[in-house]
């Protein structure tokens, strides 16, 4: 009889211990959920985050002044050039010169082809002023100010966080410049289109960006 009572007592203790462990596990999960929500909410209040961003540089075309035959061409993609350097000659028409110090990021030229002023033979990037270009929706643009600190993550450098700051906020949308800021249907009904405003982000960490111009980025702009 006493043995049965001891066994029952032990069973009750085990059940009680199991319930306590379950309660502790549930409490931990609840606390973790609350902590995650608080962290996510507080981070969302501190930062503006967008992946509508790319590694960007000012690009300059190299074109012939007249239509003619390309009789020499000395550069290719990846070549570094100096301002006013001769990169090719056209017959007739003279010489093709680089407008800046930079790097050739696109080459459309082959020897003896006919070139025209309308078709650049090369595109040169100003690698001394590479930046992160981001597009901010008009509903969020007032949150963004020059000088705000930014954390940049590049698809080309996964898991690396790069420090920078907002150096410029455009005062006009690209659509306003091109005249495409409105959208009308054939019936004349206006459809509002959310406008994007470009901003420029300069990074100051030591990282080489000249080989990845045009690649995607995600930016976290500290707004508080």
Protein backbone atom coordinates (compact mmCIF):
# COMPACT_ATOMS: atom_id res chain seq x y z
CA UNK A 1 0.00 0.00 0.00
CA UNK A 2 2.76 2.40 0.95
CA UNK A 3 4.60 1.45 -2.25
CA UNK A 4 1.55 2.33 -4.36
CA UNK A 5 1.24 5.69 -2.56
CA UNK A 6 4.92 6.43 -3.26
CA UNK A 7 4.46 5.57 -6.95
CA UNK A 8 1.39 7.80 -7.20
CA UNK A 9 3.24 10.61 -5.47
CA UNK A 10 6.15 10.29 -7.88
CA UNK A 11 3.77 10.32 -10.87
CA UNK A 12 2.13 13.50 -9.56
CA UNK A 13 5.54 15.12 -9.10
CA UNK A 14 6.55 14.18 -12.65
CA UNK A 15 3.28 15.57 -14.03
CA UNK A 16 3.75 18.75 -12.01
CA UNK A 17 7.34 19.06 -13.19
CA UNK A 18 6.22 18.59 -16.81
CA UNK A 19 3.54 21.27 -16.45
CA UNK A 20 6.08 23.66 -14.95
CA UNK A 21 8.51 23.05 -17.81
CA UNK A 22 5.70 23.65 -20.32
CA UNK A 23 4.74 26.89 -18.59
CA UNK A 24 8.37 28.02 -18.59
CA UNK A 25 8.68 27.20 -22.32
CA UNK A 26 5.47 29.10 -23.12
CA UNK A 27 6.68 32.09 -21.07
CA UNK A 28 10.01 32.08 -22.92
CA UNK A 29 8.25 31.99 -26.29
CA UNK A 30 5.98 34.86 -25.28
CA UNK A 31 8.91 36.93 -24.05
CA UNK A 32 10.85 36.20 -27.24
CA UNK A 33 7.85 37.23 -29.34
CA UNK A 34 7.39 40.45 -27.39
CA UNK A 35 11.10 41.19 -27.65
CA UNK A 36 11.12 40.56 -31.40
CA UNK A 37 8.06 42.78 -31.90
CA UNK A 38 9.56 45.56 -29.79
CA UNK A 39 12.90 45.35 -31.61
CA UNK A 40 11.22 45.35 -35.03
CA UNK A 41 8.91 48.24 -34.07
CA UNK A 42 11.68 50.30 -32.51
CA UNK A 43 13.99 49.66 -35.48
CA UNK A 44 11.20 50.68 -37.82
CA UNK A 45 10.85 53.94 -35.90
CA UNK A 46 14.60 54.64 -36.02
CA UNK A 47 15.36 53.72 -39.63
CA UNK A 48 13.90 54.12 -43.08
CA UNK A 49 14.72 51.05 -45.14
CA UNK A 50 14.51 50.56 -48.90
CA UNK A 51 16.01 48.19 -51.46
CA UNK A 52 15.26 50.57 -54.33
CA UNK A 53 18.93 51.49 -54.52
CA UNK A 54 21.95 50.82 -56.74
CA UNK A 55 25.66 51.51 -56.96
CA UNK A 56 25.77 54.57 -59.19
CA UNK A 57 28.27 56.80 -60.98
CA UNK A 58 28.03 59.69 -63.41
CA UNK A 59 28.42 58.28 -66.92
CA UNK A 60 29.91 60.08 -69.91
CA UNK A 61 29.54 58.98 -73.55
CA UNK A 62 32.36 59.11 -76.07
CA UNK A 63 31.07 59.85 -79.57
CA UNK A 64 32.44 60.88 -82.90
CA UNK A 65 31.79 64.45 -84.02
CA UNK A 66 31.03 63.25 -87.55
CA UNK A 67 29.99 60.08 -89.32
CA UNK A 68 32.98 58.06 -90.47
CA UNK A 69 35.02 54.85 -90.21
CA UNK A 70 36.65 53.91 -86.91
CA UNK A 71 40.26 53.26 -87.92
CA UNK A 72 41.80 52.91 -84.44
CA UNK A 73 40.46 52.11 -80.99
CA UNK A 74 42.69 51.56 -77.97
CA UNK A 75 40.40 50.80 -75.00
CA UNK A 76 37.97 48.13 -73.79
CA UNK A 77 35.69 47.49 -70.85
CA UNK A 78 37.68 47.98 -67.65
CA UNK A 79 40.29 50.29 -69.16
CA UNK A 80 41.26 53.34 -67.13
CA UNK A 81 41.53 56.57 -69.06
CA UNK A 82 42.62 60.12 -68.36
CA UNK A 83 40.81 63.30 -69.26
CA UNK A 84 41.42 64.26 -72.91
CA UNK A 85 43.16 60.92 -73.61
CA UNK A 86 42.80 59.79 -77.23
CA UNK A 87 40.88 56.48 -77.32
CA UNK A 88 40.29 56.22 -81.06
CA UNK A 89 40.37 57.91 -84.44
CA UNK A 90 37.73 58.30 -87.12
CA UNK A 91 38.26 58.80 -90.86
CA UNK A 92 37.21 61.46 -91.55
CA UNK A 93 36.45 63.31 -88.34
CA UNK A 94 39.49 63.22 -86.18
CA UNK A 95 40.03 61.81 -82.74
CA UNK A 96 37.88 60.38 -79.99
CA UNK A 97 38.85 61.70 -76.56
CA UNK A 98 37.86 60.80 -73.03
CA UNK A 99 35.96 63.68 -71.39
CA UNK A 100 37.09 62.73 -67.85
CA UNK A 101 39.42 60.64 -65.72
CA UNK A 102 37.52 57.39 -65.36
CA UNK A 103 36.95 53.79 -66.35
CA UNK A 104 35.38 52.38 -69.50
CA UNK A 105 32.25 50.50 -68.39
CA UNK A 106 30.78 49.85 -71.84
CA UNK A 107 32.35 49.57 -75.28
CA UNK A 108 30.34 49.46 -78.50
CA UNK A 109 33.19 49.81 -80.96
CA UNK A 110 34.90 47.51 -83.47
CA UNK A 111 37.55 48.56 -85.95
CA UNK A 112 36.40 49.69 -89.39
CA UNK A 113 32.79 50.07 -88.34
CA UNK A 114 30.90 53.22 -89.25
CA UNK A 115 30.32 55.47 -86.26
CA UNK A 116 27.97 58.44 -85.90
CA UNK A 117 27.50 61.27 -83.42
CA UNK A 118 24.25 59.65 -82.27
CA UNK A 119 25.85 56.36 -81.17
CA UNK A 120 28.53 56.45 -78.44
CA UNK A 121 31.49 54.14 -79.00
CA UNK A 122 32.16 53.96 -75.26
CA UNK A 123 30.71 54.90 -71.88
CA UNK A 124 33.09 56.14 -69.22
CA UNK A 125 32.25 56.20 -65.52
CA UNK A 126 33.54 58.83 -63.14
CA UNK A 127 34.98 56.41 -60.59
CA UNK A 128 36.09 59.24 -58.32
CA UNK A 129 32.49 59.96 -57.39
CA UNK A 130 30.78 56.58 -57.14
CA UNK A 131 27.81 56.66 -54.77
CA UNK A 132 24.67 54.77 -53.82
CA UNK A 133 21.64 56.14 -55.62
CA UNK A 134 18.31 55.43 -53.91
CA UNK A 135 14.75 56.33 -54.88
CA UNK A 136 12.40 57.41 -52.09
CA UNK A 137 8.64 57.50 -52.45
CA UNK A 138 7.12 60.95 -52.10
CA UNK A 139 5.17 59.83 -49.03
CA UNK A 140 8.45 59.23 -47.16
CA UNK A 141 10.75 61.88 -48.59
CA UNK A 142 10.25 64.37 -45.74
CA UNK A 143 11.89 61.83 -43.41
CA UNK A 144 15.13 62.06 -45.37
CA UNK A 145 17.64 64.86 -44.71
CA UNK A 146 21.18 65.53 -45.85
CA UNK A 147 23.72 64.31 -43.31
CA UNK A 148 21.70 61.38 -41.97
CA UNK A 149 23.82 58.29 -41.33
CA UNK A 150 23.20 55.24 -43.52
CA UNK A 151 24.03 51.55 -43.34
CA UNK A 152 24.41 50.09 -46.83
CA UNK A 153 24.23 46.40 -47.72
CA UNK A 154 25.33 45.43 -51.23
CA UNK A 155 24.17 42.30 -53.03
CA UNK A 156 27.73 42.02 -54.36
CA UNK A 157 29.12 41.93 -50.78
CA UNK A 158 26.63 39.79 -48.83
CA UNK A 159 26.53 40.15 -45.04
CA UNK A 160 28.84 43.18 -45.08
CA UNK A 161 27.53 46.42 -43.59
CA UNK A 162 28.99 49.61 -45.08
CA UNK A 163 28.75 53.01 -43.45
CA UNK A 164 27.73 56.15 -45.29
CA UNK A 165 25.58 59.26 -45.17
CA UNK A 166 22.96 61.07 -47.22
CA UNK A 167 24.87 63.66 -49.23
CA UNK A 168 22.10 64.99 -51.48
CA UNK A 169 18.31 64.94 -51.79
CA UNK A 170 16.93 65.93 -55.19
CA UNK A 171 14.41 68.76 -55.27
CA UNK A 172 12.48 67.39 -58.24
CA UNK A 173 11.31 63.99 -59.48
CA UNK A 174 12.67 62.51 -62.73
CA UNK A 175 9.13 62.38 -64.13
CA UNK A 176 8.72 66.11 -63.62
CA UNK A 177 11.83 66.67 -65.74
CA UNK A 178 10.64 64.38 -68.54
CA UNK A 179 7.04 65.55 -68.32
CA UNK A 180 5.67 62.12 -67.36
CA UNK A 181 4.45 62.96 -63.87
CA UNK A 182 0.80 62.37 -64.76
CA UNK A 183 -0.98 59.34 -66.14
CA UNK A 184 -4.22 59.64 -68.08
CA UNK A 185 -6.38 56.89 -69.52
CA UNK A 186 -7.93 57.24 -72.97
CA UNK A 187 -11.08 58.57 -71.29
CA UNK A 188 -9.10 61.44 -69.76
CA UNK A 189 -9.34 60.05 -66.22
CA UNK A 190 -6.36 60.94 -64.09
CA UNK A 191 -4.54 58.11 -62.34
CA UNK A 192 -2.27 59.21 -59.53
CA UNK A 193 1.16 57.62 -59.67
CA UNK A 194 3.37 57.62 -56.60
CA UNK A 195 6.46 59.65 -57.47
CA UNK A 196 10.03 58.73 -56.62
CA UNK A 197 12.65 61.24 -55.54
CA UNK A 198 16.33 60.33 -55.98
CA UNK A 199 18.84 60.74 -53.19
CA UNK A 200 22.60 60.29 -53.16
CA UNK A 201 24.40 58.31 -50.45
CA UNK A 202 28.18 58.52 -50.09
CA UNK A 203 29.99 55.63 -48.40
CA UNK A 204 33.15 56.28 -46.43
CA UNK A 205 34.23 52.73 -45.63
CA UNK A 206 37.21 51.42 -47.60
CA UNK A 207 35.51 49.36 -50.30
CA UNK A 208 35.99 49.10 -54.05
CA UNK A 209 32.81 49.94 -55.94
CA UNK A 210 34.13 50.66 -59.43
CA UNK A 211 33.67 47.06 -60.58
CA UNK A 212 30.06 46.77 -59.48
CA UNK A 213 28.38 49.91 -60.85
CA UNK A 214 24.68 49.23 -61.40
CA UNK A 215 24.40 46.43 -58.84
CA UNK A 216 21.67 46.37 -56.20
CA UNK A 217 21.83 47.71 -52.66
CA UNK A 218 19.66 47.99 -49.56
CA UNK A 219 19.94 51.11 -47.42
CA UNK A 220 18.96 51.76 -43.80
CA UNK A 221 18.75 55.50 -43.22
CA UNK A 222 18.72 56.58 -39.58
CA UNK A 223 15.88 59.06 -39.16
CA UNK A 224 15.95 59.38 -35.36
